[in-house]
Protein backbone atom coordinates (compact mmCIF):
# COMPACT_ATOMS: atom_id res chain seq x y z
CA MET A 1 -148.02 74.20 -5.86
CA ASN A 2 -146.58 73.72 -2.36
CA THR A 3 -145.25 77.26 -1.98
CA GLU A 4 -146.89 79.23 0.79
CA ILE A 5 -147.96 82.70 -0.32
CA LYS A 6 -148.02 85.30 2.44
CA TYR A 7 -150.35 88.27 2.64
CA ILE A 8 -151.23 91.13 4.97
CA ASP A 9 -154.75 92.34 5.74
CA LEU A 10 -154.89 96.12 6.26
CA PHE A 11 -158.05 97.77 7.63
CA CYS A 12 -159.04 94.14 8.13
CA GLY A 13 -162.54 94.65 9.54
CA LEU A 14 -164.39 91.34 9.80
CA GLY A 15 -161.71 89.63 7.72
CA ALA A 16 -163.41 89.08 4.36
CA PHE A 17 -160.01 88.77 2.68
CA HIS A 18 -158.85 86.23 5.26
CA TYR A 19 -162.09 84.28 4.97
CA ALA A 20 -161.81 84.17 1.17
CA PHE A 21 -158.14 83.14 1.16
CA ASN A 22 -159.04 80.22 3.45
CA LEU A 23 -161.51 78.98 0.82
CA ILE A 24 -158.95 78.80 -2.00
CA ASP A 25 -158.10 75.10 -2.35
CA ASN A 26 -155.20 74.81 -4.78
CA ILE A 27 -152.81 77.32 -3.18
CA LYS A 28 -151.76 77.70 0.44
CA TYR A 29 -152.07 81.27 1.71
CA LYS A 30 -150.95 82.56 5.11
CA CYS A 31 -151.88 85.84 6.76
CA VAL A 32 -148.77 87.21 8.48
CA PHE A 33 -150.14 90.58 9.61
CA ALA A 34 -153.46 92.37 10.08
CA CYS A 35 -154.49 95.75 11.43
CA ASP A 36 -157.61 97.75 12.22
CA ILE A 37 -158.10 100.84 14.36
CA ASP A 38 -161.33 99.52 15.91
CA GLU A 39 -160.67 97.54 19.10
CA LYS A 40 -163.88 95.53 19.00
CA VAL A 41 -163.45 94.44 15.41
CA ARG A 42 -159.88 93.37 16.25
CA LYS A 43 -161.34 91.06 18.90
CA ILE A 44 -163.81 89.61 16.40
CA TYR A 45 -160.96 89.03 13.93
CA GLU A 46 -158.81 87.30 16.54
CA GLU A 47 -161.66 85.04 17.65
CA ASN A 48 -162.37 83.90 14.09
CA TYR A 49 -158.85 83.66 12.64
CA GLY A 50 -156.48 83.26 15.58
CA ILE A 51 -154.49 86.39 14.70
CA LYS A 52 -154.46 89.48 16.88
CA PRO A 53 -154.49 92.52 14.58
CA GLU A 54 -152.46 95.62 15.30
CA GLY A 55 -154.25 98.96 15.75
CA ASP A 56 -153.75 102.33 14.05
CA ILE A 57 -151.92 101.84 10.76
CA ASP A 58 -149.99 105.08 11.29
CA LYS A 59 -148.52 103.81 14.56
CA ILE A 60 -147.19 100.54 13.14
CA ASP A 61 -143.46 99.85 12.95
CA ILE A 62 -143.42 98.93 9.28
CA GLU A 63 -140.01 97.29 9.52
CA SER A 64 -141.47 94.80 12.01
CA ILE A 65 -144.09 93.54 9.53
CA PRO A 66 -143.03 90.10 8.24
CA ASP A 67 -142.20 89.92 4.54
CA PHE A 68 -145.21 89.18 2.39
CA ASP A 69 -146.27 88.70 -1.23
CA ILE A 70 -149.75 90.27 -1.35
CA LEU A 71 -151.04 93.45 0.26
CA CYS A 72 -154.81 93.53 0.76
CA ALA A 73 -156.59 96.72 1.78
CA GLY A 74 -160.22 97.72 1.72
CA PHE A 75 -159.20 101.19 2.84
CA PRO A 76 -161.78 103.44 4.52
CA CYS A 77 -164.33 104.63 2.01
CA GLN A 78 -166.13 107.42 3.89
CA PRO A 79 -164.23 110.28 2.18
CA PHE A 80 -165.11 108.84 -1.23
CA SER A 81 -168.61 107.50 -0.59
CA ILE A 82 -171.89 108.85 -1.90
CA ALA A 83 -173.19 108.34 1.66
CA GLY A 84 -170.27 110.36 3.03
CA LYS A 85 -169.05 113.87 2.28
CA LYS A 86 -167.14 112.92 -0.88
CA GLU A 87 -164.12 114.93 0.23
CA GLY A 88 -161.50 112.51 -1.07
CA PHE A 89 -157.98 113.46 -0.07
CA ASN A 90 -159.36 116.68 1.46
CA ASP A 91 -160.38 114.52 4.42
CA LYS A 92 -157.10 114.98 6.28
CA ILE A 93 -157.40 111.75 8.25
CA LYS A 94 -159.33 109.07 6.37
CA GLY A 95 -158.58 110.40 2.91
CA ASN A 96 -154.87 110.22 3.53
CA LEU A 97 -154.85 106.60 4.67
CA PHE A 98 -154.02 105.68 1.09
CA TYR A 99 -150.63 107.28 1.71
CA SER A 100 -150.27 105.12 4.80
CA ILE A 101 -150.57 102.13 2.48
CA LEU A 102 -147.91 103.61 0.22
CA LYS A 103 -145.49 103.87 3.15
CA ILE A 104 -145.81 100.12 3.70
CA ILE A 105 -145.42 99.44 -0.03
CA ASP A 106 -142.27 101.56 -0.21
CA ILE A 107 -140.57 99.60 2.56
CA LYS A 108 -141.87 96.06 1.99
CA MET A 109 -142.28 96.13 -1.83
CA PRO A 110 -144.85 93.32 -2.23
CA LYS A 111 -145.40 91.74 -5.63
CA THR A 112 -149.20 92.14 -5.66
CA LEU A 113 -151.73 94.65 -4.33
CA ILE A 114 -155.48 94.13 -3.99
CA LEU A 115 -157.29 97.35 -3.10
CA GLU A 116 -161.04 97.86 -2.66
CA ASN A 117 -163.20 100.94 -2.29
CA VAL A 118 -166.54 102.46 -3.29
CA LYS A 119 -167.16 103.00 -6.99
CA ASN A 120 -167.53 106.73 -6.40
CA LEU A 121 -163.76 106.90 -5.93
CA LEU A 122 -163.56 107.01 -9.73
CA ASN A 123 -165.40 110.34 -9.87
CA ILE A 124 -164.17 112.38 -6.89
CA SER A 125 -162.76 115.75 -8.01
CA ASN A 126 -163.66 114.92 -11.62
CA GLY A 127 -161.52 111.80 -11.48
CA GLU A 128 -158.38 113.56 -10.23
CA THR A 129 -158.27 111.64 -6.93
CA PHE A 130 -158.31 108.30 -8.74
CA LYS A 131 -155.68 109.49 -11.23
CA ILE A 132 -153.40 110.31 -8.31
CA ILE A 133 -153.91 106.83 -6.83
CA ILE A 134 -153.07 105.05 -10.07
CA MET A 135 -150.13 107.38 -10.74
CA GLU A 136 -148.65 106.69 -7.31
CA LEU A 137 -148.98 102.94 -7.77
CA GLU A 138 -147.53 102.89 -11.27
CA LYS A 139 -144.70 105.19 -10.16
CA ARG A 140 -143.68 102.34 -7.85
CA GLY A 141 -143.45 99.88 -10.71
CA TYR A 142 -146.90 98.32 -10.52
CA ILE A 143 -148.98 97.36 -13.54
CA SER A 144 -152.52 98.26 -12.53
CA ASN A 145 -156.01 97.35 -13.63
CA PHE A 146 -159.38 98.13 -12.07
CA LYS A 147 -163.04 97.28 -12.36
CA VAL A 148 -166.33 98.07 -10.64
CA ILE A 149 -167.86 94.73 -9.67
CA ASP A 150 -171.45 94.09 -8.61
CA SER A 151 -171.67 91.18 -6.18
CA LYS A 152 -175.12 90.13 -7.45
CA TYR A 153 -173.39 88.55 -10.45
CA TYR A 154 -171.25 86.35 -8.18
CA ASN A 155 -173.93 84.25 -6.49
CA SER A 156 -174.48 86.80 -3.73
CA PRO A 157 -178.04 87.83 -2.79
CA GLN A 158 -176.80 91.39 -2.32
CA SER A 159 -176.26 93.96 -5.06
CA ARG A 160 -173.09 95.68 -3.88
CA GLN A 161 -171.00 97.63 -6.38
CA ARG A 162 -167.39 98.12 -5.37
CA LEU A 163 -164.21 99.20 -7.12
CA PHE A 164 -161.32 96.73 -7.13
CA ILE A 165 -157.80 97.78 -8.07
CA ILE A 166 -155.37 94.92 -8.73
CA CYS A 167 -151.68 95.72 -9.17
CA ASP A 168 -148.76 93.44 -9.95
CA LYS A 169 -145.05 93.92 -10.50
CA ILE A 170 -144.88 91.43 -13.37
CA LYS A 171 -148.16 91.22 -15.28
CA LYS A 172 -151.45 93.02 -15.75
CA TYR A 173 -154.31 91.38 -13.90
CA GLU A 174 -157.15 90.42 -16.23
CA PHE A 175 -160.70 90.55 -14.92
CA THR A 176 -161.79 87.39 -16.73
CA LEU A 177 -164.33 86.53 -14.07
CA GLU A 178 -167.29 84.33 -14.84
CA LEU A 179 -170.56 86.13 -14.25
CA SER A 180 -173.52 84.20 -12.92
CA GLN A 181 -176.51 84.63 -15.20
CA GLN A 182 -178.83 83.46 -12.42
CA ILE A 183 -179.43 86.08 -9.74
CA THR A 184 -179.48 84.68 -6.20
CA ASN A 185 -182.61 85.68 -4.29
CA VAL A 186 -182.64 87.01 -0.74
CA SER A 187 -185.07 84.17 0.05
CA THR A 188 -182.09 81.78 0.01
CA ILE A 189 -180.67 83.26 3.22
CA ILE A 190 -183.89 84.00 5.12
CA ASP A 191 -184.34 82.60 8.63
CA TYR A 192 -188.06 81.88 8.71
CA ASN A 193 -187.95 81.37 12.48
CA GLU A 194 -187.05 85.02 13.06
CA ASN A 195 -189.99 86.83 14.68
CA LYS A 196 -188.75 90.39 15.26
CA TYR A 197 -191.13 92.11 12.86
CA LEU A 198 -191.64 95.85 12.51
CA ASN A 199 -194.68 97.40 14.17
CA TYR A 200 -195.07 100.40 11.91
CA GLU A 201 -198.80 101.13 11.97
CA ASN A 202 -198.71 103.87 14.65
CA LYS A 203 -196.17 105.95 12.75
CA TYR A 204 -196.26 104.92 9.09
CA LYS A 205 -198.60 103.97 6.30
CA LEU A 206 -197.64 101.82 3.33
CA GLU A 207 -197.38 103.23 -0.16
CA LYS A 208 -197.35 100.59 -2.87
CA CYS A 209 -194.60 101.03 -5.45
CA LYS A 210 -194.91 100.51 -9.16
CA GLU A 211 -193.56 97.07 -9.98
CA ILE A 212 -190.38 97.00 -12.04
CA ASN A 213 -190.35 94.16 -14.51
CA THR A 214 -186.73 93.05 -14.20
CA LYS A 215 -185.02 89.88 -13.06
CA LYS A 216 -181.76 91.53 -12.10
CA SER A 217 -182.70 94.42 -9.83
CA SER A 218 -183.89 94.61 -6.25
CA ILE A 219 -187.68 94.61 -6.29
CA LEU A 220 -189.11 97.53 -4.30
CA LEU A 221 -192.62 96.70 -3.06
CA PHE A 222 -193.62 99.48 -0.65
CA LYS A 223 -192.45 102.69 0.94
CA LEU A 224 -193.11 103.71 4.52
CA ILE A 225 -194.74 107.15 4.64
CA ASN A 226 -194.94 109.08 7.90
CA ILE A 227 -198.58 109.55 8.90
CA ILE A 228 -198.06 113.06 10.25
CA SER A 229 -195.55 114.58 7.81
CA ASN A 230 -196.66 112.53 4.81
CA LYS A 231 -192.97 112.14 3.97
CA GLY A 232 -190.88 109.02 3.65
CA GLY A 233 -189.45 106.55 1.19
CA ARG A 234 -185.80 107.03 2.09
CA GLN A 235 -183.53 103.98 1.91
CA GLY A 236 -184.35 102.89 5.45
CA GLU A 237 -188.08 103.24 4.71
CA ARG A 238 -188.19 101.01 1.64
CA ILE A 239 -189.57 97.50 1.67
CA TYR A 240 -188.14 94.95 -0.77
CA SER A 241 -189.13 91.54 -2.06
CA ILE A 242 -187.09 88.51 -1.03
CA ASN A 243 -187.62 87.09 -4.52
CA SER A 244 -184.71 88.97 -6.06
CA CYS A 245 -181.34 90.31 -4.92
CA GLY A 246 -181.32 92.83 -2.09
CA PRO A 247 -179.89 96.36 -2.03
CA THR A 248 -176.50 97.22 -0.55
CA ILE A 249 -176.15 96.78 3.19
CA CYS A 250 -174.84 100.11 4.48
CA ALA A 251 -172.96 101.07 7.63
CA SER A 252 -174.52 104.50 7.95
CA SER A 253 -178.16 104.36 6.84
CA GLY A 254 -181.04 105.20 9.21
CA GLY A 255 -184.77 104.70 9.51
CA PRO A 256 -186.63 101.50 10.50
CA GLY A 257 -184.68 99.53 7.90
CA ALA A 258 -181.32 100.95 8.90
CA LYS A 259 -178.34 99.16 7.39
CA THR A 260 -180.05 96.05 5.95
CA GLY A 261 -183.19 97.44 4.36
CA LEU A 262 -186.70 96.15 5.05
CA TYR A 263 -188.22 93.02 3.52
CA LEU A 264 -191.69 91.55 3.17
CA ILE A 265 -191.47 88.11 4.80
CA ASN A 266 -194.49 85.97 5.63
CA GLU A 267 -196.66 89.00 4.81
CA LYS A 268 -194.92 90.94 7.57
CA ILE A 269 -192.11 93.50 7.46
CA ARG A 270 -188.70 93.34 9.12
CA ARG A 271 -185.00 93.98 8.77
CA LEU A 272 -182.54 91.17 8.21
CA ASN A 273 -181.04 89.68 11.35
CA ILE A 274 -177.28 89.30 11.84
CA ASN A 275 -176.98 85.74 10.59
CA GLU A 276 -178.95 86.61 7.47
CA SER A 277 -176.77 89.67 6.93
CA LEU A 278 -173.60 87.60 7.34
CA LYS A 279 -174.85 85.29 4.59
CA MET A 280 -175.49 88.32 2.34
CA PHE A 281 -171.71 88.74 2.42
CA GLY A 282 -170.79 85.07 2.08
CA PHE A 283 -169.94 84.36 5.74
CA ASP A 284 -171.53 81.24 7.19
CA GLU A 285 -173.33 80.56 10.46
CA THR A 286 -170.09 79.52 12.22
CA TYR A 287 -168.79 83.11 12.21
CA LYS A 288 -168.24 84.31 15.80
CA TRP A 289 -169.29 87.74 17.02
CA ASN A 290 -172.14 87.74 19.53
CA THR A 291 -170.03 87.59 22.70
CA ILE A 292 -168.19 90.75 21.65
CA VAL A 293 -170.57 93.29 20.12
CA LYS A 294 -174.26 94.16 19.94
CA ASP A 295 -176.41 93.72 16.86
CA GLU A 296 -176.17 97.35 15.70
CA GLU A 297 -172.38 97.33 16.02
CA MET A 298 -172.15 94.12 14.02
CA LEU A 299 -174.38 95.53 11.28
CA PHE A 300 -172.08 98.57 11.15
CA TYR A 301 -169.05 96.31 10.63
CA LEU A 302 -170.90 94.32 7.98
CA GLY A 303 -171.82 97.55 6.22
CA ASN A 304 -168.10 98.16 5.76
CA SER A 305 -167.26 94.61 4.69
CA ILE A 306 -166.43 93.09 1.30
CA VAL A 307 -168.50 90.33 -0.30
CA ILE A 308 -166.54 87.11 -0.05
CA ASN A 309 -167.99 85.63 -3.26
CA VAL A 310 -166.35 88.43 -5.25
CA LEU A 311 -163.01 88.02 -3.48
CA ILE A 312 -162.93 84.29 -4.20
CA SER A 313 -163.40 84.99 -7.91
CA ILE A 314 -160.61 87.58 -7.86
CA LEU A 315 -158.19 85.48 -5.84
CA SER A 316 -158.82 82.42 -7.99
CA ASN A 317 -157.58 84.38 -11.00
CA LEU A 318 -154.36 85.75 -9.50
């Protein structure tokens, strides 16, 4: 097929959609528009993809967006997330960004929509929020289908469960994706030259966890317990094995293992570094970022990203 298929990348972040589209061999895809409200992430996107994203989606002249075939949007998940306040559409700003997407759909009328969010979106307000989303899409003539996908089954060393909603004007998308039976271990992305280990002894003690005999879950080895309060074991105080998949990288978690989690590596404990974290999402070492933002900012952006391995499987089945 020589036809060029055009897409737009809303709330583009680090550009996981763009990265995945570039890896599809048999069809030529072209990004004709991207946007993100964060100035620094727009600079990262431009440096990696050669496209300068627009800013606030609500300040865009929709008529000026070039015509396109596919709308991609991993719209902000904080109102729907377990880690957030779970306010859904009651969040007057972030919760209503779905309606900003609808405004673009109403004017540009693309054939296909690919939407991504946290799995908790299915349960907000006893499922009423999700019902409204599907109703609004189907009211516009889209045939919709959705599925919660865990990235650990798609050759990613990260277990990241996300909801994907695929809509099309002509046919129902079928999630006939091949699942990998072999879980990819975190050890496959570890940089063994990294030496920024955690010095925890003055504040924490280690509490050994009961081993879980499973091949498909993250293996929790220890918890950090505060010496004074005797409390601990929150997500950022858990230490995992690199010999299984890792837990979800989060944008908002705290503690010594904030965002990436802690791992036992060479009998020492540390977080993942940025290059390791990029590989947890399917980006490679050529991804550019370190002249623009600091480590903590980059981990925040990664915590809001989509796993590229999953996107490739979805896009390959369009």
